[in-house]
Structures are given as structure tokens and as C-alpha cells.
Amino acid sequence: MANQVNITPLGDRVLVKPVTADEEVKGGIIIPDTAKEKPTTAEVLALGTGKKDGEDYNFTVKVGDRVIISKYGGTPVKYDNVEYTILREDDILGIVG
């Protein structure tokens, strides 16, 4: 389920929240934040204004979709102590499910 957030991306951009894996792995080993890889799965929270190069833009993804994003794609944004990423829809590699 999508969360309400007061950020509206512009143009063909999408606001996503990375989905983190469990903090612990089998055997009870805790992985420190510095050793974790950046998540590549995210939830779509908001879509842009729908304009690209002056033309109307129709998004393929919708709010609530789980998507696979490029590992180093987008711009990280911290708002109200929550980490988000704003990226172009072209940086979304696929929809999960």
C-alpha cells in the first residue's frame, strides 16, 4: 500500500521509496549499514506532472507498484527523516508482480 507523502515529482519523474530487506540474515549475523548494498526494489509513491519535452506523458507504472530500479539511478532525497529516490521512469527496469 502506498504512503502519503508531500513531494510531487515534475515531468516524467517518479518518487519511490526503497524497500529494504530484513536486517538479519540466516545464522543471526547482523549486517552493518555500511556493508549493505543499495536496494534495487522500491515502491512507487508518486508520479510526476506528466509532461516530457512539452508533450503529455503517460506513465507505465502507477502508484503502489513495486519496481526494480537501477542500482545507482535517481537522486536520493531525505524528507521528514525518510529516504526516498526521485528518478525518471526510464530508470525503472521493471515492475515486480
PDB file of N, CA and C in Angstrom:
ATOM      1  N   MET A   1       0.848  -1.180   0.000  1.00  0.00           N
ATOM      2  CA  MET A   1       0.000   0.000   0.000  1.00  0.00           C
ATOM      3  C   MET A   1       0.889   1.237   0.000  1.00  0.00           C
ATOM      4  N   ALA A   2       0.560   2.229  -0.824  1.00  0.00           N
ATOM      5  CA  ALA A   2       1.359   3.439  -0.955  1.00  0.00           C
ATOM      6  C   ALA A   2       1.154   4.363   0.245  1.00  0.00           C
ATOM      7  N   ASN A   3       2.225   5.037   0.613  1.00  0.00           N
ATOM      8  CA  ASN A   3       2.175   6.004   1.698  1.00  0.00           C
ATOM      9  C   ASN A   3       1.889   7.383   1.130  1.00  0.00           C
ATOM     10  N   GLN A   4       1.255   8.264   1.910  1.00  0.00           N
ATOM     11  CA  GLN A   4       1.040   9.635   1.503  1.00  0.00           C
ATOM     12  C   GLN A   4       2.312  10.424   1.801  1.00  0.00           C
ATOM     13  N   VAL A   5       2.796  11.176   0.825  1.00  0.00           N
ATOM     14  CA  VAL A   5       3.978  11.994   1.014  1.00  0.00           C
ATOM     15  C   VAL A   5       3.748  13.315   0.293  1.00  0.00           C
ATOM     16  N   ASN A   6       4.293  14.400   0.819  1.00  0.00           N
ATOM     17  CA  ASN A   6       4.061  15.719   0.253  1.00  0.00           C
ATOM     18  C   ASN A   6       5.158  16.131  -0.723  1.00  0.00           C
ATOM     19  N   ILE A   7       5.548  15.232  -1.593  1.00  0.00           N
ATOM     20  CA  ILE A   7       6.520  15.529  -2.637  1.00  0.00           C
ATOM     21  C   ILE A   7       5.876  15.159  -3.965  1.00  0.00           C
ATOM     22  N   THR A   8       5.847  16.103  -4.901  1.00  0.00           N
ATOM     23  CA  THR A   8       5.324  15.827  -6.234  1.00  0.00           C
ATOM     24  C   THR A   8       6.462  15.966  -7.236  1.00  0.00           C
ATOM     25  N   PRO A   9       6.864  14.869  -7.859  1.00  0.00           N
ATOM     26  CA  PRO A   9       7.918  14.955  -8.867  1.00  0.00           C
ATOM     27  C   PRO A   9       7.416  15.725 -10.096  1.00  0.00           C
ATOM     28  N   LEU A  10       8.337  16.252 -10.864  1.00  0.00           N
ATOM     29  CA  LEU A  10       7.977  17.001 -12.062  1.00  0.00           C
ATOM     30  C   LEU A  10       8.246  16.176 -13.315  1.00  0.00           C
ATOM     31  N   GLY A  11       7.532  16.500 -14.380  1.00  0.00           N
ATOM     32  CA  GLY A  11       7.759  15.862 -15.675  1.00  0.00           C
ATOM     33  C   GLY A  11       7.531  14.367 -15.646  1.00  0.00           C
ATOM     34  N   ASP A  12       8.496  13.618 -16.204  1.00  0.00           N
ATOM     35  CA  ASP A  12       8.381  12.160 -16.290  1.00  0.00           C
ATOM     36  C   ASP A  12       9.073  11.463 -15.119  1.00  0.00           C
ATOM     37  N   ARG A  13       9.233  12.186 -14.011  1.00  0.00           N
ATOM     38  CA  ARG A  13       9.915  11.618 -12.849  1.00  0.00           C
ATOM     39  C   ARG A  13       8.932  10.887 -11.936  1.00  0.00           C
ATOM     40  N   VAL A  14       9.494   9.968 -11.145  1.00  0.00           N
ATOM     41  CA  VAL A  14       8.716   9.125 -10.245  1.00  0.00           C
ATOM     42  C   VAL A  14       9.364   9.173  -8.867  1.00  0.00           C
ATOM     43  N   LEU A  15       8.558   9.292  -7.820  1.00  0.00           N
ATOM     44  CA  LEU A  15       9.052   9.234  -6.448  1.00  0.00           C
ATOM     45  C   LEU A  15       8.867   7.818  -5.939  1.00  0.00           C
ATOM     46  N   VAL A  16       9.960   7.198  -5.478  1.00  0.00           N
ATOM     47  CA  VAL A  16       9.888   5.835  -4.952  1.00  0.00           C
ATOM     48  C   VAL A  16      10.516   5.790  -3.572  1.00  0.00           C
ATOM     49  N   LYS A  17      10.117   4.786  -2.815  1.00  0.00           N
ATOM     50  CA  LYS A  17      10.724   4.519  -1.514  1.00  0.00           C
ATOM     51  C   LYS A  17      11.377   3.143  -1.604  1.00  0.00           C
ATOM     52  N   PRO A  18      12.690   3.090  -1.425  1.00  0.00           N
ATOM     53  CA  PRO A  18      13.372   1.793  -1.479  1.00  0.00           C
ATOM     54  C   PRO A  18      12.809   0.823  -0.449  1.00  0.00           C
ATOM     55  N   VAL A  19      12.663  -0.434  -0.852  1.00  0.00           N
ATOM     56  CA  VAL A  19      12.188  -1.490   0.029  1.00  0.00           C
ATOM     57  C   VAL A  19      13.415  -2.208   0.550  1.00  0.00           C
ATOM     58  N   THR A  20      13.604  -2.165   1.856  1.00  0.00           N
ATOM     59  CA  THR A  20      14.795  -2.781   2.438  1.00  0.00           C
ATOM     60  C   THR A  20      14.521  -4.219   2.841  1.00  0.00           C
ATOM     61  N   ALA A  21      15.551  -5.032   2.729  1.00  0.00           N
ATOM     62  CA  ALA A  21      15.462  -6.428   3.166  1.00  0.00           C
ATOM     63  C   ALA A  21      15.579  -6.477   4.681  1.00  0.00           C
ATOM     64  N   ASP A  22      15.330  -7.642   5.238  1.00  0.00           N
ATOM     65  CA  ASP A  22      15.468  -7.809   6.682  1.00  0.00           C
ATOM     66  C   ASP A  22      16.875  -7.436   7.123  1.00  0.00           C
ATOM     67  N   GLU A  23      16.987  -6.937   8.343  1.00  0.00           N
ATOM     68  CA  GLU A  23      18.273  -6.508   8.877  1.00  0.00           C
ATOM     69  C   GLU A  23      19.175  -7.681   9.242  1.00  0.00           C
ATOM     70  N   GLU A  24      18.602  -8.848   9.443  1.00  0.00           N
ATOM     71  CA  GLU A  24      19.367 -10.012   9.885  1.00  0.00           C
ATOM     72  C   GLU A  24      19.324 -11.095   8.820  1.00  0.00           C
ATOM     73  N   VAL A  25      20.401 -11.826   8.692  1.00  0.00           N
ATOM     74  CA  VAL A  25      20.440 -12.937   7.753  1.00  0.00           C
ATOM     75  C   VAL A  25      20.435 -14.240   8.535  1.00  0.00           C
ATOM     76  N   LYS A  26      20.380 -15.363   7.821  1.00  0.00           N
ATOM     77  CA  LYS A  26      20.389 -16.654   8.494  1.00  0.00           C
ATOM     78  C   LYS A  26      21.619 -16.773   9.374  1.00  0.00           C
ATOM     79  N   GLY A  27      21.461 -17.383  10.513  1.00  0.00           N
ATOM     80  CA  GLY A  27      22.565 -17.556  11.445  1.00  0.00           C
ATOM     81  C   GLY A  27      22.660 -16.421  12.438  1.00  0.00           C
ATOM     82  N   GLY A  28      21.779 -15.425  12.326  1.00  0.00           N
ATOM     83  CA  GLY A  28      21.753 -14.340  13.295  1.00  0.00           C
ATOM     84  C   GLY A  28      22.815 -13.282  13.084  1.00  0.00           C
ATOM     85  N   ILE A  29      23.493 -13.291  11.945  1.00  0.00           N
ATOM     86  CA  ILE A  29      24.523 -12.289  11.695  1.00  0.00           C
ATOM     87  C   ILE A  29      23.846 -10.996  11.275  1.00  0.00           C
ATOM     88  N   ILE A  30      24.217  -9.913  11.923  1.00  0.00           N
ATOM     89  CA  ILE A  30      23.659  -8.608  11.591  1.00  0.00           C
ATOM     90  C   ILE A  30      24.650  -7.888  10.686  1.00  0.00           C
ATOM     91  N   ILE A  31      24.144  -7.412   9.550  1.00  0.00           N
ATOM     92  CA  ILE A  31      24.997  -6.729   8.589  1.00  0.00           C
ATOM     93  C   ILE A  31      24.951  -5.228   8.870  1.00  0.00           C
ATOM     94  N   PRO A  32      26.109  -4.586   9.082  1.00  0.00           N
ATOM     95  CA  PRO A  32      26.098  -3.142   9.347  1.00  0.00           C
ATOM     96  C   PRO A  32      25.654  -2.364   8.106  1.00  0.00           C
ATOM     97  N   ASP A  33      25.087  -1.176   8.327  1.00  0.00           N
ATOM     98  CA  ASP A  33      24.584  -0.359   7.232  1.00  0.00           C
ATOM     99  C   ASP A  33      25.658  -0.070   6.183  1.00  0.00           C
ATOM    100  N   THR A  34      26.891   0.100   6.607  1.00  0.00           N
ATOM    101  CA  THR A  34      27.959   0.434   5.669  1.00  0.00           C
ATOM    102  C   THR A  34      28.280  -0.712   4.720  1.00  0.00           C
ATOM    103  N   ALA A  35      27.940  -1.938   5.079  1.00  0.00           N
ATOM    104  CA  ALA A  35      28.249  -3.096   4.233  1.00  0.00           C
ATOM    105  C   ALA A  35      27.082  -3.515   3.345  1.00  0.00           C
ATOM    106  N   LYS A  36      25.925  -2.891   3.549  1.00  0.00           N
ATOM    107  CA  LYS A  36      24.742  -3.269   2.781  1.00  0.00           C
ATOM    108  C   LYS A  36      24.777  -2.654   1.399  1.00  0.00           C
ATOM    109  N   GLU A  37      24.257  -3.400   0.429  1.00  0.00           N
ATOM    110  CA  GLU A  37      24.109  -2.862  -0.914  1.00  0.00           C
ATOM    111  C   GLU A  37      22.853  -2.012  -0.974  1.00  0.00           C
ATOM    112  N   LYS A  38      22.867  -1.049  -1.859  1.00  0.00           N
ATOM    113  CA  LYS A  38      21.695  -0.198  -2.052  1.00  0.00           C
ATOM    114  C   LYS A  38      20.551  -1.054  -2.605  1.00  0.00           C
ATOM    115  N   PRO A  39      19.341  -0.940  -2.034  1.00  0.00           N
ATOM    116  CA  PRO A  39      18.220  -1.743  -2.516  1.00  0.00           C
ATOM    117  C   PRO A  39      17.903  -1.422  -3.971  1.00  0.00           C
ATOM    118  N   THR A  40      17.473  -2.419  -4.712  1.00  0.00           N
ATOM    119  CA  THR A  40      17.100  -2.197  -6.096  1.00  0.00           C
ATOM    120  C   THR A  40      15.603  -2.395  -6.306  1.00  0.00           C
ATOM    121  N   THR A  41      14.877  -2.698  -5.241  1.00  0.00           N
ATOM    122  CA  THR A  41      13.419  -2.810  -5.307  1.00  0.00           C
ATOM    123  C   THR A  41      12.834  -1.623  -4.555  1.00  0.00           C
ATOM    124  N   ALA A  42      11.782  -1.031  -5.121  1.00  0.00           N
ATOM    125  CA  ALA A  42      11.189   0.144  -4.499  1.00  0.00           C
ATOM    126  C   ALA A  42       9.684   0.146  -4.748  1.00  0.00           C
ATOM    127  N   GLU A  43       8.991   0.965  -3.961  1.00  0.00           N
ATOM    128  CA  GLU A  43       7.547   1.139  -4.128  1.00  0.00           C
ATOM    129  C   GLU A  43       7.295   2.531  -4.694  1.00  0.00           C
ATOM    130  N   VAL A  44       6.465   2.618  -5.716  1.00  0.00           N
ATOM    131  CA  VAL A  44       6.124   3.902  -6.329  1.00  0.00           C
ATOM    132  C   VAL A  44       5.153   4.638  -5.417  1.00  0.00           C
ATOM    133  N   LEU A  45       5.530   5.866  -5.010  1.00  0.00           N
ATOM    134  CA  LEU A  45       4.685   6.656  -4.119  1.00  0.00           C
ATOM    135  C   LEU A  45       3.977   7.801  -4.825  1.00  0.00           C
ATOM    136  N   ALA A  46       4.611   8.356  -5.871  1.00  0.00           N
ATOM    137  CA  ALA A  46       4.005   9.481  -6.588  1.00  0.00           C
ATOM    138  C   ALA A  46       4.552   9.551  -8.000  1.00  0.00           C
ATOM    139  N   LEU A  47       3.719  10.038  -8.907  1.00  0.00           N
ATOM    140  CA  LEU A  47       4.115  10.213 -10.299  1.00  0.00           C
ATOM    141  C   LEU A  47       4.275  11.696 -10.591  1.00  0.00           C
ATOM    142  N   GLY A  48       5.078  11.999 -11.595  1.00  0.00           N
ATOM    143  CA  GLY A  48       5.325  13.378 -11.988  1.00  0.00           C
ATOM    144  C   GLY A  48       4.101  14.047 -12.578  1.00  0.00           C
ATOM    145  N   THR A  49       4.309  15.255 -13.062  1.00  0.00           N
ATOM    146  CA  THR A  49       3.218  16.068 -13.593  1.00  0.00           C
ATOM    147  C   THR A  49       2.766  15.610 -14.969  1.00  0.00           C
ATOM    148  N   GLY A  50       3.524  14.726 -15.608  1.00  0.00           N
ATOM    149  CA  GLY A  50       3.085  14.133 -16.855  1.00  0.00           C
ATOM    150  C   GLY A  50       3.449  14.903 -18.108  1.00  0.00           C
ATOM    151  N   LYS A  51       4.503  15.696 -18.057  1.00  0.00           N
ATOM    152  CA  LYS A  51       4.963  16.421 -19.240  1.00  0.00           C
ATOM    153  C   LYS A  51       6.397  16.011 -19.536  1.00  0.00           C
ATOM    154  N   LYS A  52       6.700  15.804 -20.821  1.00  0.00           N
ATOM    155  CA  LYS A  52       8.067  15.483 -21.239  1.00  0.00           C
ATOM    156  C   LYS A  52       8.293  16.184 -22.568  1.00  0.00           C
ATOM    157  N   ASP A  53       9.271  17.069 -22.603  1.00  0.00           N
ATOM    158  CA  ASP A  53       9.571  17.841 -23.813  1.00  0.00           C
ATOM    159  C   ASP A  53       8.345  18.580 -24.339  1.00  0.00           C
ATOM    160  N   GLY A  54       7.532  19.116 -23.427  1.00  0.00           N
ATOM    161  CA  GLY A  54       6.349  19.885 -23.812  1.00  0.00           C
ATOM    162  C   GLY A  54       5.147  19.058 -24.224  1.00  0.00           C
ATOM    163  N   GLU A  55       5.277  17.754 -24.232  1.00  0.00           N
ATOM    164  CA  GLU A  55       4.189  16.861 -24.637  1.00  0.00           C
ATOM    165  C   GLU A  55       3.638  16.137 -23.409  1.00  0.00           C
ATOM    166  N   ASP A  56       2.354  15.734 -23.480  1.00  0.00           N
ATOM    167  CA  ASP A  56       1.786  14.917 -22.403  1.00  0.00           C
ATOM    168  C   ASP A  56       2.522  13.586 -22.349  1.00  0.00           C
ATOM    169  N   TYR A  57       2.733  13.088 -21.133  1.00  0.00           N
ATOM    170  CA  TYR A  57       3.463  11.841 -20.936  1.00  0.00           C
ATOM    171  C   TYR A  57       2.584  10.875 -20.159  1.00  0.00           C
ATOM    172  N   ASN A  58       2.385   9.669 -20.676  1.00  0.00           N
ATOM    173  CA  ASN A  58       1.604   8.643 -19.996  1.00  0.00           C
ATOM    174  C   ASN A  58       2.557   7.671 -19.311  1.00  0.00           C
ATOM    175  N   PHE A  59       2.401   7.529 -18.017  1.00  0.00           N
ATOM    176  CA  PHE A  59       3.266   6.640 -17.240  1.00  0.00           C
ATOM    177  C   PHE A  59       2.869   5.178 -17.430  1.00  0.00           C
ATOM    178  N   THR A  60       3.868   4.314 -17.433  1.00  0.00           N
ATOM    179  CA  THR A  60       3.636   2.871 -17.475  1.00  0.00           C
ATOM    180  C   THR A  60       3.382   2.349 -16.074  1.00  0.00           C
ATOM    181  N   VAL A  61       4.089   2.913 -15.080  1.00  0.00           N
ATOM    182  CA  VAL A  61       3.919   2.492 -13.683  1.00  0.00           C
ATOM    183  C   VAL A  61       2.795   3.297 -13.054  1.00  0.00           C
ATOM    184  N   LYS A  62       2.300   2.800 -11.911  1.00  0.00           N
ATOM    185  CA  LYS A  62       1.274   3.522 -11.164  1.00  0.00           C
ATOM    186  C   LYS A  62       1.636   3.512  -9.681  1.00  0.00           C
ATOM    187  N   VAL A  63       1.027   4.400  -8.943  1.00  0.00           N
ATOM    188  CA  VAL A  63       1.272   4.477  -7.504  1.00  0.00           C
ATOM    189  C   VAL A  63       0.932   3.133  -6.871  1.00  0.00           C
ATOM    190  N   GLY A  64       1.831   2.634  -6.025  1.00  0.00           N
ATOM    191  CA  GLY A  64       1.627   1.352  -5.358  1.00  0.00           C
ATOM    192  C   GLY A  64       2.388   0.210  -6.004  1.00  0.00           C
ATOM    193  N   ASP A  65       2.859   0.393  -7.251  1.00  0.00           N
ATOM    194  CA  ASP A  65       3.633  -0.656  -7.921  1.00  0.00           C
ATOM    195  C   ASP A  65       4.965  -0.882  -7.212  1.00  0.00           C
ATOM    196  N   ARG A  66       5.398  -2.136  -7.191  1.00  0.00           N
ATOM    197  CA  ARG A  66       6.757  -2.473  -6.760  1.00  0.00           C
ATOM    198  C   ARG A  66       7.592  -2.564  -8.022  1.00  0.00           C
ATOM    199  N   VAL A  67       8.716  -1.863  -8.024  1.00  0.00           N
ATOM    200  CA  VAL A  67       9.524  -1.783  -9.234  1.00  0.00           C
ATOM    201  C   VAL A  67      10.981  -2.121  -8.919  1.00  0.00           C
ATOM    202  N   ILE A  68      11.703  -2.485  -9.969  1.00  0.00           N
ATOM    203  CA  ILE A  68      13.140  -2.702  -9.880  1.00  0.00           C
ATOM    204  C   ILE A  68      13.785  -1.477 -10.506  1.00  0.00           C
ATOM    205  N   ILE A  69      14.677  -0.835  -9.733  1.00  0.00           N
ATOM    206  CA  ILE A  69      15.326   0.372 -10.221  1.00  0.00           C
ATOM    207  C   ILE A  69      16.816   0.130 -10.404  1.00  0.00           C
ATOM    208  N   SER A  70      17.418   0.960 -11.219  1.00  0.00           N
ATOM    209  CA  SER A  70      18.850   0.898 -11.437  1.00  0.00           C
ATOM    210  C   SER A  70      19.568   1.122 -10.109  1.00  0.00           C
ATOM    211  N   LYS A  71      20.588   0.347  -9.842  1.00  0.00           N
ATOM    212  CA  LYS A  71      21.283   0.379  -8.553  1.00  0.00           C
ATOM    213  C   LYS A  71      21.772   1.783  -8.182  1.00  0.00           C
ATOM    214  N   TYR A  72      22.279   2.518  -9.149  1.00  0.00           N
ATOM    215  CA  TYR A  72      22.793   3.861  -8.875  1.00  0.00           C
ATOM    216  C   TYR A  72      21.984   4.943  -9.570  1.00  0.00           C
ATOM    217  N   GLY A  73      20.748   4.609  -9.969  1.00  0.00           N
ATOM    218  CA  GLY A  73      19.911   5.570 -10.668  1.00  0.00           C
ATOM    219  C   GLY A  73      19.164   6.490  -9.718  1.00  0.00           C
ATOM    220  N   GLY A  74      18.784   7.633 -10.218  1.00  0.00           N
ATOM    221  CA  GLY A  74      17.963   8.559  -9.458  1.00  0.00           C
ATOM    222  C   GLY A  74      18.733   9.420  -8.488  1.00  0.00           C
ATOM    223  N   THR A  75      17.985  10.266  -7.797  1.00  0.00           N
ATOM    224  CA  THR A  75      18.550  11.188  -6.816  1.00  0.00           C
ATOM    225  C   THR A  75      17.950  10.876  -5.456  1.00  0.00           C
ATOM    226  N   PRO A  76      18.800  10.529  -4.469  1.00  0.00           N
ATOM    227  CA  PRO A  76      18.268  10.275  -3.127  1.00  0.00           C
ATOM    228  C   PRO A  76      17.772  11.581  -2.496  1.00  0.00           C
ATOM    229  N   VAL A  77      16.629  11.490  -1.812  1.00  0.00           N
ATOM    230  CA  VAL A  77      16.032  12.644  -1.148  1.00  0.00           C
ATOM    231  C   VAL A  77      15.630  12.209   0.251  1.00  0.00           C
ATOM    232  N   LYS A  78      15.955  13.033   1.252  1.00  0.00           N
ATOM    233  CA  LYS A  78      15.531  12.742   2.621  1.00  0.00           C
ATOM    234  C   LYS A  78      14.508  13.803   3.022  1.00  0.00           C
ATOM    235  N   TYR A  79      13.307  13.346   3.410  1.00  0.00           N
ATOM    236  CA  TYR A  79      12.224  14.251   3.785  1.00  0.00           C
ATOM    237  C   TYR A  79      11.557  13.685   5.026  1.00  0.00           C
ATOM    238  N   ASP A  80      11.439  14.474   6.077  1.00  0.00           N
ATOM    239  CA  ASP A  80      10.883  14.019   7.358  1.00  0.00           C
ATOM    240  C   ASP A  80      11.582  12.756   7.847  1.00  0.00           C
ATOM    241  N   ASN A  81      12.918  12.713   7.712  1.00  0.00           N
ATOM    242  CA  ASN A  81      13.762  11.595   8.155  1.00  0.00           C
ATOM    243  C   ASN A  81      13.455  10.275   7.456  1.00  0.00           C
ATOM    244  N   VAL A  82      12.868  10.331   6.267  1.00  0.00           N
ATOM    245  CA  VAL A  82      12.599   9.142   5.469  1.00  0.00           C
ATOM    246  C   VAL A  82      13.352   9.284   4.149  1.00  0.00           C
ATOM    247  N   GLU A  83      14.005   8.197   3.733  1.00  0.00           N
ATOM    248  CA  GLU A  83      14.775   8.204   2.488  1.00  0.00           C
ATOM    249  C   GLU A  83      13.879   7.850   1.301  1.00  0.00           C
ATOM    250  N   TYR A  84      13.909   8.678   0.272  1.00  0.00           N
ATOM    251  CA  TYR A  84      13.190   8.460  -0.971  1.00  0.00           C
ATOM    252  C   TYR A  84      14.181   8.574  -2.124  1.00  0.00           C
ATOM    253  N   THR A  85      13.735   8.207  -3.319  1.00  0.00           N
ATOM    254  CA  THR A  85      14.520   8.418  -4.529  1.00  0.00           C
ATOM    255  C   THR A  85      13.602   8.988  -5.591  1.00  0.00           C
ATOM    256  N   ILE A  86      14.079  10.032  -6.282  1.00  0.00           N
ATOM    257  CA  ILE A  86      13.353  10.577  -7.425  1.00  0.00           C
ATOM    258  C   ILE A  86      14.149  10.192  -8.667  1.00  0.00           C
ATOM    259  N   LEU A  87      13.468   9.548  -9.620  1.00  0.00           N
ATOM    260  CA  LEU A  87      14.147   9.111 -10.833  1.00  0.00           C
ATOM    261  C   LEU A  87      13.211   9.225 -12.019  1.00  0.00           C
ATOM    262  N   ARG A  88      13.783   9.229 -13.187  1.00  0.00           N
ATOM    263  CA  ARG A  88      12.969   9.230 -14.406  1.00  0.00           C
ATOM    264  C   ARG A  88      12.374   7.838 -14.590  1.00  0.00           C
ATOM    265  N   GLU A  89      11.198   7.795 -15.187  1.00  0.00           N
ATOM    266  CA  GLU A  89      10.579   6.490 -15.399  1.00  0.00           C
ATOM    267  C   GLU A  89      11.488   5.594 -16.239  1.00  0.00           C
ATOM    268  N   ASP A  90      12.286   6.183 -17.124  1.00  0.00           N
ATOM    269  CA  ASP A  90      13.229   5.400 -17.944  1.00  0.00           C
ATOM    270  C   ASP A  90      14.249   4.644 -17.106  1.00  0.00           C
ATOM    271  N   ASP A  91      14.511   5.102 -15.858  1.00  0.00           N
ATOM    272  CA  ASP A  91      15.459   4.430 -14.964  1.00  0.00           C
ATOM    273  C   ASP A  91      14.845   3.246 -14.239  1.00  0.00           C
ATOM    274  N   ILE A  92      13.539   3.038 -14.411  1.00  0.00           N
ATOM    275  CA  ILE A  92      12.871   1.869 -13.822  1.00  0.00           C
ATOM    276  C   ILE A  92      13.049   0.705 -14.790  1.00  0.00           C
ATOM    277  N   LEU A  93      13.608  -0.388 -14.267  1.00  0.00           N
ATOM    278  CA  LEU A  93      13.943  -1.527 -15.112  1.00  0.00           C
ATOM    279  C   LEU A  93      12.779  -2.493 -15.309  1.00  0.00           C
ATOM    280  N   GLY A  94      11.861  -2.555 -14.338  1.00  0.00           N
ATOM    281  CA  GLY A  94      10.751  -3.482 -14.463  1.00  0.00           C
ATOM    282  C   GLY A  94       9.768  -3.328 -13.309  1.00  0.00           C
ATOM    283  N   ILE A  95       8.607  -3.928 -13.485  1.00  0.00           N
ATOM    284  CA  ILE A  95       7.562  -3.949 -12.448  1.00  0.00           C
ATOM    285  C   ILE A  95       7.524  -5.359 -11.880  1.00  0.00           C
ATOM    286  N   VAL A  96       7.537  -5.465 -10.539  1.00  0.00           N
ATOM    287  CA  VAL A  96       7.510  -6.767  -9.871  1.00  0.00           C
ATOM    288  C   VAL A  96       6.048  -7.195  -9.697  1.00  0.00           C
ATOM    289  N   GLY A  97       5.757  -8.421 -10.106  1.00  0.00           N
ATOM    290  CA  GLY A  97       4.414  -8.973  -9.908  1.00  0.00           C
ATOM    291  C   GLY A  97       3.549  -8.634 -11.009  1.00  0.00           C
TER     292      GLY A  97
END
